[in-house]
Amino acid sequence: MTGTRHTADTITDDALDQLYTDRDFFLRLAQDARVAEERRTTERDEQQTRAVRAQAALARVRTALARLCDDVPHPGHDHLCPDDIQRAIENALDEQQEHQP
């Protein structure tokens, strides 16, 4: 772009062509920026959805573990069986898969 300000009486064909070239360049630049912003917005929304799902899964795991601690220990043991804890966590996480679209 040149620093010269043309009027309808003083503009040359070359200067007019340059103005159109510059305009097209900036229109493409603006379109690229809009596309990039839409992509960032989509990625942000997907990340927020994953974060919400992860928080829900963690809440279910915490609830499952709390229920285990409130329950009577595993039959025949005086403590919680690690297999019960593992199963409760896996079940809570599996619920997340069932709730996903």
C-alpha atoms as a PDB file:
ATOM      1  CA  MET A   1       0.000   0.000   0.000  1.00  0.00           C
ATOM      2  CA  THR A   2       1.153   3.466  -0.775  1.00  0.00           C
ATOM      3  CA  GLY A   3       0.768   6.489   1.421  1.00  0.00           C
ATOM      4  CA  THR A   4      -0.737   8.582  -1.376  1.00  0.00           C
ATOM      5  CA  ARG A   5      -4.378   9.572  -1.030  1.00  0.00           C
ATOM      6  CA  HIS A   6      -6.043   9.514  -4.408  1.00  0.00           C
ATOM      7  CA  THR A   7      -9.230  11.156  -5.519  1.00  0.00           C
ATOM      8  CA  ALA A   8     -11.519  10.040  -8.337  1.00  0.00           C
ATOM      9  CA  ASP A   9      -9.746  12.568 -10.582  1.00  0.00           C
ATOM     10  CA  THR A  10      -6.174  11.581  -9.679  1.00  0.00           C
ATOM     11  CA  ILE A  11      -6.214   7.783  -9.262  1.00  0.00           C
ATOM     12  CA  THR A  12      -4.400   5.771 -11.886  1.00  0.00           C
ATOM     13  CA  ASP A  13      -5.334   2.326 -13.132  1.00  0.00           C
ATOM     14  CA  ASP A  14      -2.302   0.879 -11.362  1.00  0.00           C
ATOM     15  CA  ALA A  15      -3.228   2.563  -8.088  1.00  0.00           C
ATOM     16  CA  LEU A  16      -6.826   1.358  -8.402  1.00  0.00           C
ATOM     17  CA  ASP A  17      -5.625  -2.176  -9.093  1.00  0.00           C
ATOM     18  CA  GLN A  18      -3.409  -1.955  -5.992  1.00  0.00           C
ATOM     19  CA  LEU A  19      -6.357  -0.789  -3.894  1.00  0.00           C
ATOM     20  CA  TYR A  20      -8.414  -3.785  -5.052  1.00  0.00           C
ATOM     21  CA  THR A  21      -5.472  -6.109  -4.381  1.00  0.00           C
ATOM     22  CA  ASP A  22      -5.062  -4.662  -0.900  1.00  0.00           C
ATOM     23  CA  ARG A  23      -8.788  -4.899  -0.224  1.00  0.00           C
ATOM     24  CA  ASP A  24      -8.878  -8.556  -1.314  1.00  0.00           C
ATOM     25  CA  PHE A  25      -5.871  -9.327   0.866  1.00  0.00           C
ATOM     26  CA  PHE A  26      -7.483  -7.764   3.937  1.00  0.00           C
ATOM     27  CA  LEU A  27     -10.815  -9.470   3.246  1.00  0.00           C
ATOM     28  CA  ARG A  28      -9.016 -12.844   3.117  1.00  0.00           C
ATOM     29  CA  LEU A  29      -7.132 -11.951   6.285  1.00  0.00           C
ATOM     30  CA  ALA A  30     -10.385 -11.080   8.055  1.00  0.00           C
ATOM     31  CA  GLN A  31     -12.019 -14.310   6.846  1.00  0.00           C
ATOM     32  CA  ASP A  32      -9.030 -16.350   8.053  1.00  0.00           C
ATOM     33  CA  ALA A  33      -9.303 -14.627  11.444  1.00  0.00           C
ATOM     34  CA  ARG A  34     -13.030 -15.463  11.644  1.00  0.00           C
ATOM     35  CA  VAL A  35     -12.353 -19.107  10.769  1.00  0.00           C
ATOM     36  CA  ALA A  36      -9.562 -19.304  13.346  1.00  0.00           C
ATOM     37  CA  GLU A  37     -11.813 -17.755  15.997  1.00  0.00           C
ATOM     38  CA  GLU A  38     -14.604 -20.220  15.216  1.00  0.00           C
ATOM     39  CA  ARG A  39     -12.115 -23.092  15.509  1.00  0.00           C
ATOM     40  CA  ARG A  40     -10.852 -21.788  18.865  1.00  0.00           C
ATOM     41  CA  THR A  41     -14.424 -21.393  20.092  1.00  0.00           C
ATOM     42  CA  THR A  42     -15.282 -24.959  19.066  1.00  0.00           C
ATOM     43  CA  GLU A  43     -12.140 -26.329  20.707  1.00  0.00           C
ATOM     44  CA  ARG A  44     -12.854 -24.353  23.892  1.00  0.00           C
ATOM     45  CA  ASP A  45     -16.429 -25.661  24.001  1.00  0.00           C
ATOM     46  CA  GLU A  46     -15.203 -29.237  23.524  1.00  0.00           C
ATOM     47  CA  GLN A  47     -12.630 -28.788  26.292  1.00  0.00           C
ATOM     48  CA  GLN A  48     -15.274 -27.387  28.623  1.00  0.00           C
ATOM     49  CA  THR A  49     -17.549 -30.352  27.861  1.00  0.00           C
ATOM     50  CA  ARG A  50     -14.723 -32.800  28.602  1.00  0.00           C
ATOM     51  CA  ALA A  51     -13.947 -30.955  31.840  1.00  0.00           C
ATOM     52  CA  VAL A  52     -17.573 -31.113  32.965  1.00  0.00           C
ATOM     53  CA  ARG A  53     -17.705 -34.836  32.170  1.00  0.00           C
ATOM     54  CA  ALA A  54     -14.451 -35.443  34.036  1.00  0.00           C
ATOM     55  CA  GLN A  55     -15.745 -33.543  37.060  1.00  0.00           C
ATOM     56  CA  ALA A  56     -18.950 -35.592  36.979  1.00  0.00           C
ATOM     57  CA  ALA A  57     -16.952 -38.824  36.788  1.00  0.00           C
ATOM     58  CA  LEU A  58     -14.818 -37.762  39.736  1.00  0.00           C
ATOM     59  CA  ALA A  59     -17.918 -36.882  41.724  1.00  0.00           C
ATOM     60  CA  ARG A  60     -19.345 -40.342  41.030  1.00  0.00           C
ATOM     61  CA  VAL A  61     -16.073 -41.961  42.105  1.00  0.00           C
ATOM     62  CA  ARG A  62     -16.043 -39.947  45.327  1.00  0.00           C
ATOM     63  CA  THR A  63     -19.669 -40.927  45.984  1.00  0.00           C
ATOM     64  CA  ALA A  64     -18.927 -44.588  45.280  1.00  0.00           C
ATOM     65  CA  LEU A  65     -15.946 -44.553  47.632  1.00  0.00           C
ATOM     66  CA  ALA A  66     -17.952 -42.784  50.327  1.00  0.00           C
ATOM     67  CA  ARG A  67     -20.661 -45.429  50.027  1.00  0.00           C
ATOM     68  CA  LEU A  68     -18.037 -48.166  50.404  1.00  0.00           C
ATOM     69  CA  CYS A  69     -16.692 -46.573  53.564  1.00  0.00           C
ATOM     70  CA  ASP A  70     -20.218 -46.428  54.977  1.00  0.00           C
ATOM     71  CA  ASP A  71     -20.938 -50.053  54.082  1.00  0.00           C
ATOM     72  CA  VAL A  72     -20.047 -53.043  56.174  1.00  0.00           C
ATOM     73  CA  PRO A  73     -16.590 -54.323  55.255  1.00  0.00           C
ATOM     74  CA  HIS A  74     -16.293 -57.132  52.746  1.00  0.00           C
ATOM     75  CA  PRO A  75     -17.725 -60.405  54.057  1.00  0.00           C
ATOM     76  CA  GLY A  76     -15.111 -62.365  55.952  1.00  0.00           C
ATOM     77  CA  HIS A  77     -12.731 -59.392  56.213  1.00  0.00           C
ATOM     78  CA  ASP A  78     -12.315 -56.685  58.797  1.00  0.00           C
ATOM     79  CA  HIS A  79     -11.423 -54.142  56.126  1.00  0.00           C
ATOM     80  CA  LEU A  80     -12.605 -52.965  52.718  1.00  0.00           C
ATOM     81  CA  CYS A  81     -11.527 -55.334  50.017  1.00  0.00           C
ATOM     82  CA  PRO A  82      -9.430 -53.661  47.290  1.00  0.00           C
ATOM     83  CA  ASP A  83     -11.472 -55.573  44.717  1.00  0.00           C
ATOM     84  CA  ASP A  84     -14.638 -53.850  45.969  1.00  0.00           C
ATOM     85  CA  ILE A  85     -12.960 -50.456  45.783  1.00  0.00           C
ATOM     86  CA  GLN A  86     -11.695 -51.119  42.275  1.00  0.00           C
ATOM     87  CA  ARG A  87     -15.103 -52.373  41.142  1.00  0.00           C
ATOM     88  CA  ALA A  88     -16.849 -49.331  42.621  1.00  0.00           C
ATOM     89  CA  ILE A  89     -14.480 -46.954  40.851  1.00  0.00           C
ATOM     90  CA  GLU A  90     -14.781 -48.796  37.546  1.00  0.00           C
ATOM     91  CA  ASN A  91     -18.574 -48.791  37.804  1.00  0.00           C
ATOM     92  CA  ALA A  92     -18.629 -45.066  38.549  1.00  0.00           C
ATOM     93  CA  LEU A  93     -16.390 -44.374  35.559  1.00  0.00           C
ATOM     94  CA  ASP A  94     -18.423 -46.699  33.341  1.00  0.00           C
ATOM     95  CA  GLU A  95     -21.501 -44.615  34.127  1.00  0.00           C
ATOM     96  CA  GLN A  96     -19.747 -41.752  32.343  1.00  0.00           C
ATOM     97  CA  GLN A  97     -19.569 -43.784  29.136  1.00  0.00           C
ATOM     98  CA  GLU A  98     -23.294 -44.515  29.354  1.00  0.00           C
ATOM     99  CA  HIS A  99     -24.117 -40.793  29.671  1.00  0.00           C
ATOM    100  CA  GLN A 100     -22.048 -39.592  26.744  1.00  0.00           C
ATOM    101  CA  PRO A 101     -23.846 -38.752  23.498  1.00  0.00           C
END
